[in-house]
Amino acid sequence: MDPRRRIPRTDDLLRMPAVEAAREVLSEQVIRSHLQSVQESARAGEIAPEAVADTLAQKLSQAPATSLTPVINATGVIIHTNIGRAPLSDAATAALTKAAGYVDVEMDLATGLRSRERGAGATRALLAACPGAEDALVVNNGAAALLLATTALADGGEVIISRGELIEIGAGFRLPELIESTDVRLREVGATNRTHLADYAAAITSRTRALLKVHPSNFRMEGFTAEATVAQLRGLADEHDLPLIVDLGSGLLTNDSALPEEPDVSAQLAEGADVVIASGDKLLGGPQAGILLGSAAIIERLRKHPLARALRIDKLRLAALEATVNAKETPVHQALHVDPETLRGRTVTLAAAVGGRVVEHVGRVGGGGAPGFPLPGWAVELPAELAERLRAGDPVVLPRVHQGVCLIDLRCVPASLDSEVAAAILRARGAA
């Protein structure tokens, strides 16, 4: 008899106690998807028909509610875009969980009426951390913040920008295309490597609505270069009554001694920017968010623009952002300021445990922050073939593969996880 005839019927499987228990946490379509997958495995001869029920029960008991897989970042890149950029602090994670239920995001509890103070807590936290700003607005990401600023301030007109700042970031995303997706046109001035204040001045016409300066977050230009400063552009903007927009990107609110050359929001505001744009999930170390800090008049124009509604941020990230700004420090800050001797000691201990070799390794900020700026440190060097096994393990350990070797950098790994990393490496070695 064809063994496939012994595969349990769908109705019988759906009445299993394991399926009933799974219905407490999984939807019916998810359960049926797992059921069909197991039946297909039996039809293909991958499992015996008699193993279908037990295999289904095991799958359902282990089925996650999300397909996202936690990763231990052992690359040495702090803000790694491919694995979600900045990890949240404990305070931000707790705030996000607290906001998952009903919260007074748009309600005045004293009156029981709708409030217009959505995001007020995050705004207060940002203004306290960046006193140079008069007001703040938060939208769903950095690109949205730039789109809102240019659209609200230059709709139907032109924005002047240096050719050296027409940047493309990850996945082929080009800022000029974003800006010109609305009724705004860019007026490119200067040369790729040198743009002077006079270039901006010569380009101003009756159609000019704003000046835009963009931090080239993913690259550096060296050699025969020149650029107009924010202070210089402020004077020109005042002469022609134009707003000055600065897209900083990296999310550094104030100067950080670990990154002496990285521009910060406070400095740009002090030099005269009307509005500065930054990302929440980069050097700030919080959730994905587009932060706009600047003059009260400009922020109010942005807040009232119809596009602001389409780009607004949700309650979960508002809560996490407020907690991030108010917290003492974040995992990003810890990784950036890790004690060199402590890091070396942990690396030596790991190498001894797994049979690796300690080598010098330069970490990076990543995510468009401090491009090219080195973060000296150490890593455990292992055979390159272990990288694939580590990425397929449980937990997943993401190493760096460089020049034919697998490197484990503990800069971004909490010390409490060192033993898990060691165990994962030993399992990967044992699978050889």
Protein backbone atom coordinates (compact mmCIF):
# COMPACT_ATOMS: atom_id res chain seq x y z
CA MET A 1 0.00 0.00 0.00
CA ASP A 2 1.19 3.54 -0.77
CA PRO A 3 2.66 4.79 2.54
CA ARG A 4 1.17 8.22 1.91
CA ARG A 5 -2.23 6.75 2.68
CA ARG A 6 -1.06 6.42 6.29
CA ILE A 7 -0.56 10.18 6.67
CA PRO A 8 -3.07 11.39 9.29
CA ARG A 9 -6.09 13.32 8.02
CA THR A 10 -6.16 17.09 8.49
CA ASP A 11 -9.32 16.93 10.62
CA ASP A 12 -7.74 14.39 12.96
CA LEU A 13 -4.58 16.48 13.34
CA LEU A 14 -6.60 19.62 14.08
CA ARG A 15 -8.22 17.82 17.04
CA MET A 16 -4.89 16.95 18.65
CA PRO A 17 -4.34 18.32 22.20
CA ALA A 18 -1.11 19.96 20.99
CA VAL A 19 -3.08 21.88 18.38
CA GLU A 20 -5.68 22.95 20.92
CA ALA A 21 -2.89 24.24 23.17
CA ALA A 22 -1.29 26.10 20.26
CA ARG A 23 -4.57 27.93 19.59
CA GLU A 24 -3.98 29.83 22.82
CA VAL A 25 -1.08 31.73 21.20
CA LEU A 26 -1.18 31.13 17.42
CA SER A 27 -3.77 32.01 14.80
CA GLU A 28 -5.61 29.32 12.86
CA GLN A 29 -3.85 30.14 9.59
CA VAL A 30 -0.44 29.76 11.24
CA ILE A 31 -1.41 26.41 12.72
CA ARG A 32 -2.74 25.16 9.37
CA SER A 33 0.42 26.36 7.62
CA HIS A 34 2.58 24.25 9.96
CA LEU A 35 0.20 21.32 9.57
CA GLN A 36 0.36 21.44 5.77
CA SER A 37 4.16 21.75 5.90
CA VAL A 38 4.46 18.58 7.99
CA GLN A 39 2.05 16.69 5.73
CA GLU A 40 4.06 17.75 2.66
CA SER A 41 7.23 16.48 4.32
CA ALA A 42 5.56 13.11 4.83
CA ARG A 43 4.30 13.00 1.23
CA ALA A 44 7.85 13.73 0.03
CA GLY A 45 9.18 10.86 2.12
CA GLU A 46 11.21 13.15 4.40
CA ILE A 47 9.46 11.85 7.53
CA ALA A 48 7.45 8.72 8.18
CA PRO A 49 3.63 9.02 8.20
CA GLU A 50 3.64 7.76 11.80
CA ALA A 51 5.88 10.74 12.77
CA VAL A 52 3.52 13.41 11.46
CA ALA A 53 1.60 13.96 14.70
CA ASP A 54 4.70 14.21 16.90
CA THR A 55 6.51 16.44 14.38
CA LEU A 56 3.53 18.78 14.20
CA ALA A 57 3.28 18.95 17.99
CA GLN A 58 6.98 19.81 18.24
CA LYS A 59 6.75 22.48 15.53
CA LEU A 60 3.79 24.15 17.18
CA SER A 61 5.40 24.13 20.61
CA GLN A 62 8.47 25.88 19.19
CA ALA A 63 6.73 28.17 16.71
CA PRO A 64 7.74 31.80 17.32
CA ALA A 65 5.24 34.63 17.03
CA THR A 66 7.66 36.51 14.77
CA SER A 67 10.07 35.48 12.07
CA LEU A 68 12.76 37.89 13.33
CA THR A 69 15.75 36.11 14.86
CA PRO A 70 17.77 37.64 17.72
CA VAL A 71 21.43 38.08 16.83
CA ILE A 72 24.55 38.50 18.98
CA ASN A 73 26.55 41.20 17.22
CA ALA A 74 30.21 40.12 17.22
CA THR A 75 31.21 42.18 14.16
CA GLY A 76 32.65 45.19 15.99
CA VAL A 77 30.23 47.47 14.07
CA ILE A 78 28.14 49.27 16.66
CA ILE A 79 25.29 50.55 14.49
CA HIS A 80 24.85 47.69 12.05
CA THR A 81 22.02 48.50 9.64
CA ASN A 82 21.49 44.90 8.52
CA ILE A 83 20.67 43.77 12.06
CA GLY A 84 18.50 46.69 13.16
CA ARG A 85 20.99 49.47 13.93
CA ALA A 86 20.98 50.52 17.60
CA PRO A 87 19.97 47.97 20.27
CA LEU A 88 17.61 49.47 22.83
CA SER A 89 18.57 50.08 26.43
CA ASP A 90 16.76 48.27 29.24
CA ALA A 91 14.93 51.51 30.04
CA ALA A 92 13.74 51.91 26.45
CA THR A 93 12.69 48.27 26.22
CA ALA A 94 10.68 48.57 29.44
CA ALA A 95 9.05 51.78 28.20
CA LEU A 96 8.12 50.15 24.90
CA THR A 97 6.52 47.22 26.70
CA LYS A 98 4.63 49.56 29.01
CA ALA A 99 3.28 51.51 26.05
CA ALA A 100 2.10 48.32 24.32
CA GLY A 101 -1.23 48.51 26.13
CA TYR A 102 -3.62 51.43 26.44
CA VAL A 103 -1.76 54.65 27.26
CA ASP A 104 -2.63 58.34 27.31
CA VAL A 105 -0.82 59.07 24.05
CA GLU A 106 -3.55 61.51 22.92
CA MET A 107 -5.70 61.98 26.00
CA ASP A 108 -5.80 64.51 28.81
CA LEU A 109 -6.55 62.31 31.81
CA ALA A 110 -7.60 65.30 33.91
CA THR A 111 -10.47 66.19 31.55
CA GLY A 112 -10.98 62.89 29.76
CA LEU A 113 -10.79 64.76 26.45
CA ARG A 114 -8.52 64.38 23.46
CA SER A 115 -5.14 66.03 23.92
CA ARG A 116 -2.97 67.75 21.34
CA GLU A 117 0.14 66.87 23.31
CA ARG A 118 1.04 63.70 21.38
CA GLY A 119 4.74 63.02 21.91
CA ALA A 120 5.11 65.79 24.49
CA GLY A 121 7.23 63.61 26.77
CA ALA A 122 9.72 62.82 24.03
CA THR A 123 9.79 66.49 23.03
CA ARG A 124 10.54 67.61 26.58
CA ALA A 125 13.31 65.03 26.89
CA LEU A 126 14.90 66.14 23.61
CA LEU A 127 14.75 69.82 24.52
CA ALA A 128 16.30 69.14 27.92
CA ALA A 129 19.11 67.19 26.26
CA CYS A 130 19.58 69.82 23.55
CA PRO A 131 18.91 73.25 25.14
CA GLY A 132 19.86 75.09 21.95
CA ALA A 133 16.60 74.01 20.32
CA GLU A 134 13.36 75.91 20.92
CA ASP A 135 11.09 73.07 19.85
CA ALA A 136 11.20 69.51 18.54
CA LEU A 137 9.15 67.21 16.34
CA VAL A 138 9.51 63.45 15.91
CA VAL A 139 8.41 61.49 12.82
CA ASN A 140 8.88 57.87 11.83
CA ASN A 141 12.45 57.97 10.43
CA GLY A 142 15.25 60.22 9.19
CA ALA A 143 14.15 60.12 5.55
CA ALA A 144 10.65 61.15 6.60
CA ALA A 145 12.06 64.06 8.59
CA LEU A 146 14.01 65.33 5.57
CA LEU A 147 11.00 64.90 3.29
CA LEU A 148 8.78 66.81 5.70
CA ALA A 149 11.26 69.65 6.17
CA THR A 150 11.90 70.24 2.49
CA THR A 151 8.25 69.86 1.51
CA ALA A 152 6.87 72.11 4.23
CA LEU A 153 9.51 74.81 3.74
CA ALA A 154 10.04 74.70 -0.04
CA ASP A 155 6.88 73.33 -1.65
CA GLY A 156 6.63 74.65 -5.22
CA GLY A 157 10.13 76.09 -5.15
CA GLU A 158 13.82 75.24 -5.07
CA VAL A 159 16.23 74.09 -2.38
CA ILE A 160 19.92 74.87 -2.89
CA ILE A 161 22.39 72.09 -2.07
CA SER A 162 26.07 71.40 -2.75
CA ARG A 163 26.84 68.78 -5.41
CA GLY A 164 29.16 67.11 -2.92
CA GLU A 165 26.19 66.43 -0.65
CA LEU A 166 23.91 64.66 -3.15
CA ILE A 167 24.46 61.39 -1.37
CA GLU A 168 23.29 57.82 -1.83
CA ILE A 169 22.98 55.65 1.26
CA GLY A 170 22.29 51.94 1.76
CA ALA A 171 20.23 49.86 -0.68
CA GLY A 172 20.58 52.47 -3.43
CA PHE A 173 18.51 55.08 -1.57
CA ARG A 174 19.27 58.56 -2.93
CA LEU A 175 18.32 61.67 -0.97
CA PRO A 176 17.83 63.85 -4.08
CA GLU A 177 15.19 61.45 -5.41
CA LEU A 178 13.40 61.52 -2.06
CA ILE A 179 13.30 65.31 -1.91
CA GLU A 180 12.13 65.70 -5.50
CA SER A 181 9.36 63.13 -5.05
CA THR A 182 7.20 66.10 -4.00
CA ASP A 183 6.84 69.51 -5.66
CA VAL A 184 10.36 70.56 -4.66
CA ARG A 185 13.34 70.97 -6.98
CA LEU A 186 16.99 70.84 -5.99
CA ARG A 187 19.38 73.48 -7.29
CA GLU A 188 22.84 71.90 -7.34
CA VAL A 189 25.80 74.23 -6.81
CA GLY A 190 29.57 73.98 -6.69
CA ALA A 191 31.73 71.04 -7.73
CA THR A 192 31.82 67.55 -6.25
CA ASN A 193 34.87 68.31 -4.10
CA ARG A 194 34.65 72.09 -3.63
CA THR A 195 31.62 74.27 -2.96
CA HIS A 196 31.97 77.87 -1.79
CA LEU A 197 29.55 80.30 -0.21
CA ALA A 198 29.60 82.30 -3.43
CA ASP A 199 28.16 79.28 -5.27
CA TYR A 200 25.10 79.33 -3.03
CA ALA A 201 24.74 83.10 -3.36
CA ALA A 202 24.87 83.00 -7.15
CA ALA A 203 22.13 80.37 -7.30
CA ILE A 204 19.52 82.25 -5.27
CA THR A 205 16.52 83.31 -7.35
CA SER A 206 12.87 84.18 -6.80
CA ARG A 207 12.15 80.43 -6.73
CA THR A 208 14.58 79.71 -3.88
CA ARG A 209 12.79 78.59 -0.72
CA ALA A 210 15.55 77.13 1.49
CA LEU A 211 19.22 76.25 1.84
CA LEU A 212 20.09 72.64 2.65
CA LYS A 213 23.31 71.22 4.07
CA VAL A 214 23.64 67.43 4.29
CA HIS A 215 26.27 65.60 6.31
CA PRO A 216 27.89 62.99 4.00
CA SER A 217 27.35 60.27 6.55
CA ASN A 218 28.68 57.26 4.64
CA PHE A 219 31.89 58.67 3.19
CA ARG A 220 34.64 61.25 3.60
CA MET A 221 36.29 63.48 1.03
CA GLU A 222 39.93 64.37 1.57
CA GLY A 223 42.51 66.40 -0.30
CA PHE A 224 41.56 69.41 -2.40
CA THR A 225 38.15 70.09 -0.83
CA ALA A 226 36.10 73.01 0.42
CA GLU A 227 32.62 73.53 1.84
CA ALA A 228 30.55 76.36 3.21
CA THR A 229 30.00 76.15 6.96
CA VAL A 230 26.64 76.36 8.67
CA ALA A 231 27.67 79.74 10.15
CA GLN A 232 28.47 81.08 6.68
CA LEU A 233 25.20 79.78 5.26
CA ARG A 234 23.34 81.38 8.17
CA GLY A 235 24.51 84.81 7.09
CA LEU A 236 23.44 84.18 3.50
CA ALA A 237 20.08 82.81 4.62
CA ASP A 238 19.46 85.93 6.69
CA GLU A 239 20.25 88.19 3.73
CA HIS A 240 17.53 86.53 1.68
CA ASP A 241 15.11 85.53 4.46
CA LEU A 242 15.54 81.80 3.80
CA PRO A 243 15.34 78.89 6.23
CA LEU A 244 18.52 76.83 6.69
CA ILE A 245 18.02 73.05 6.96
CA VAL A 246 20.84 70.81 8.20
CA ASP A 247 20.46 67.05 7.76
CA LEU A 248 22.90 65.55 10.25
CA GLY A 249 21.70 61.99 10.18
CA SER A 250 23.90 60.43 12.85
CA GLY A 251 21.81 61.39 15.87
CA LEU A 252 24.55 62.83 18.11
CA LEU A 253 22.81 65.48 20.23
CA THR A 254 25.94 66.86 21.87
CA ASN A 255 29.67 66.44 21.34
CA ASP A 256 31.13 63.05 22.29
CA SER A 257 34.80 62.84 23.20
CA ALA A 258 35.04 59.41 21.59
CA LEU A 259 34.13 60.94 18.22
CA PRO A 260 35.84 64.34 18.18
CA GLU A 261 35.20 64.99 14.48
CA GLU A 262 31.56 63.95 14.37
CA PRO A 263 29.18 66.96 14.14
CA ASP A 264 26.36 67.17 16.67
CA VAL A 265 22.91 68.74 16.73
CA SER A 266 23.73 71.30 19.42
CA ALA A 267 26.71 72.64 17.48
CA GLN A 268 24.71 72.98 14.26
CA LEU A 269 21.98 74.90 16.07
CA ALA A 270 24.58 77.15 17.71
CA GLU A 271 26.05 77.92 14.28
CA GLY A 272 22.65 79.04 13.02
CA ALA A 273 20.64 76.14 11.59
CA ASP A 274 16.89 76.74 11.67
CA VAL A 275 16.20 73.01 11.87
CA VAL A 276 18.52 70.04 12.33
CA ILE A 277 17.49 66.51 11.35
CA ALA A 278 18.84 63.40 13.07
CA SER A 279 17.99 59.69 13.31
CA GLY A 280 16.90 58.09 16.57
CA ASP A 281 18.42 54.66 15.96
CA LYS A 282 22.01 55.68 15.28
CA LEU A 283 24.36 57.39 17.75
CA LEU A 284 21.45 58.43 19.94
CA GLY A 285 20.97 54.70 20.58
CA GLY A 286 17.19 54.62 20.46
CA PRO A 287 14.36 53.36 18.23
CA GLN A 288 13.93 54.26 14.59
CA ALA A 289 12.78 57.87 14.48
CA GLY A 290 13.30 61.07 12.55
CA ILE A 291 14.10 63.90 14.97
CA LEU A 292 13.73 67.56 14.00
CA LEU A 293 15.11 70.16 16.41
CA GLY A 294 15.12 73.89 15.77
CA SER A 295 13.33 77.21 16.05
CA ALA A 296 9.79 77.29 17.36
CA ALA A 297 8.46 78.99 14.22
CA ILE A 298 9.99 76.45 11.84
CA ILE A 299 8.96 73.41 13.88
CA GLU A 300 5.41 74.75 14.07
CA ARG A 301 5.29 75.03 10.27
CA LEU A 302 6.38 71.42 10.00
CA ARG A 303 3.93 70.25 12.64
CA LYS A 304 0.99 71.88 10.83
CA HIS A 305 1.85 70.53 7.38
CA PRO A 306 -0.54 67.77 6.17
CA LEU A 307 2.40 65.46 5.48
CA ALA A 308 3.23 65.41 9.21
CA ARG A 309 0.16 63.26 9.83
CA ALA A 310 1.23 60.67 7.29
CA LEU A 311 4.74 60.53 8.76
CA ARG A 312 3.92 60.59 12.45
CA ILE A 313 5.55 58.16 14.84
CA ASP A 314 3.69 55.51 16.84
CA LYS A 315 3.25 55.36 20.61
CA LEU A 316 5.74 52.49 21.07
CA ARG A 317 8.68 54.35 19.58
CA LEU A 318 7.69 57.61 21.25
CA ALA A 319 7.92 55.84 24.60
CA ALA A 320 11.22 54.16 23.73
CA LEU A 321 12.70 57.42 22.42
CA GLU A 322 11.78 59.35 25.57
CA ALA A 323 13.29 56.63 27.75
CA THR A 324 16.44 56.55 25.61
CA VAL A 325 17.05 60.27 25.95
CA ASN A 326 16.31 60.24 29.68
CA ALA A 327 18.41 57.15 30.44
CA LYS A 328 21.92 57.39 31.91
CA GLU A 329 23.46 55.56 28.94
CA THR A 330 22.65 53.22 26.08
CA PRO A 331 24.27 50.07 24.65
CA VAL A 332 25.60 52.24 21.81
CA HIS A 333 27.28 54.57 24.30
CA GLN A 334 28.69 51.61 26.22
CA ALA A 335 30.15 50.05 23.06
CA LEU A 336 31.60 53.37 21.99
CA HIS A 337 33.25 53.98 25.38
CA VAL A 338 34.24 50.42 26.26
CA ASP A 339 37.31 50.21 28.48
CA PRO A 340 40.18 48.93 26.25
CA GLU A 341 41.75 46.77 28.95
CA THR A 342 38.43 45.25 29.91
CA LEU A 343 37.70 44.45 26.26
CA ARG A 344 41.13 42.90 25.82
CA GLY A 345 40.72 40.81 28.98
CA ARG A 346 37.36 39.44 27.80
CA THR A 347 38.84 38.66 24.38
CA VAL A 348 41.79 36.79 25.91
CA THR A 349 39.43 34.75 28.09
CA LEU A 350 37.22 33.87 25.12
CA ALA A 351 40.20 32.89 22.97
CA ALA A 352 41.49 30.56 25.69
CA ALA A 353 38.06 28.95 26.04
CA VAL A 354 37.52 28.25 22.33
CA GLY A 355 41.06 27.75 21.06
CA GLY A 356 41.30 30.97 19.05
CA ARG A 357 43.98 33.60 18.62
CA VAL A 358 43.76 37.19 19.92
CA VAL A 359 44.39 39.77 17.20
CA GLU A 360 44.09 43.53 16.99
CA HIS A 361 40.83 44.56 15.35
CA VAL A 362 39.46 47.97 14.41
CA GLY A 363 35.75 48.41 15.12
CA ARG A 364 33.47 50.92 13.43
CA VAL A 365 30.56 53.12 14.40
CA GLY A 366 28.53 52.12 11.33
CA GLY A 367 25.12 53.36 10.24
CA GLY A 368 26.60 56.48 8.66
CA GLY A 369 28.18 57.71 11.88
CA ALA A 370 31.81 58.85 11.94
CA PRO A 371 32.70 57.34 8.54
CA GLY A 372 36.21 55.97 8.48
CA PHE A 373 36.82 56.71 12.16
CA PRO A 374 38.64 53.73 13.77
CA LEU A 375 37.74 52.17 17.11
CA PRO A 376 40.86 50.20 18.10
CA GLY A 377 40.21 46.91 19.85
CA TRP A 378 40.74 43.15 19.71
CA ALA A 379 39.05 40.07 18.31
CA VAL A 380 39.32 36.31 18.46
CA GLU A 381 40.53 34.90 15.16
CA LEU A 382 38.96 31.60 14.07
CA PRO A 383 38.81 29.54 10.85
CA ALA A 384 36.59 31.18 8.22
CA GLU A 385 34.34 28.13 7.85
CA LEU A 386 32.98 28.66 11.38
CA ALA A 387 31.21 31.86 10.32
CA GLU A 388 28.41 30.08 8.47
CA ARG A 389 27.85 27.67 11.36
CA LEU A 390 27.72 30.53 13.86
CA ARG A 391 25.12 32.33 11.74
CA ALA A 392 23.03 29.14 11.65
CA GLY A 393 23.35 28.38 15.35
CA ASP A 394 21.15 29.01 18.35
CA PRO A 395 21.83 31.62 19.52
CA VAL A 396 22.94 33.25 16.29
CA VAL A 397 26.41 34.78 16.59
CA LEU A 398 27.26 37.19 13.79
CA PRO A 399 31.04 37.43 13.28
CA ARG A 400 33.06 39.42 10.80
CA VAL A 401 34.68 37.54 7.92
CA HIS A 402 37.78 39.40 6.77
CA GLN A 403 40.81 38.35 4.76
CA GLY A 404 39.95 34.68 4.96
CA VAL A 405 39.34 34.44 8.72
CA CYS A 406 36.38 34.60 11.09
CA LEU A 407 36.68 37.38 13.69
CA ILE A 408 34.74 37.57 16.97
CA ASP A 409 34.75 41.13 18.33
CA LEU A 410 33.13 41.52 21.77
CA ARG A 411 32.77 45.32 21.65
CA CYS A 412 29.01 45.17 21.08
CA VAL A 413 28.41 41.98 23.07
CA PRO A 414 27.19 42.40 26.67
CA ALA A 415 29.68 40.76 29.03
CA SER A 416 26.85 38.60 30.38
CA LEU A 417 26.69 36.85 27.00
CA ASP A 418 30.38 35.93 26.76
CA SER A 419 29.71 32.39 27.96
CA GLU A 420 26.96 31.94 25.36
CA VAL A 421 29.30 33.12 22.62
CA ALA A 422 31.95 30.65 23.79
CA ALA A 423 29.44 27.80 23.84
CA ALA A 424 28.22 28.69 20.35
CA ILE A 425 31.79 28.66 19.01
CA LEU A 426 32.51 25.28 20.62
CA ARG A 427 29.32 23.84 19.06
CA ALA A 428 30.38 25.24 15.69
CA ARG A 429 33.82 23.68 16.08
CA GLY A 430 32.25 20.36 17.04
CA ALA A 431 30.17 20.36 13.85
CA ALA A 432 33.33 20.35 11.72
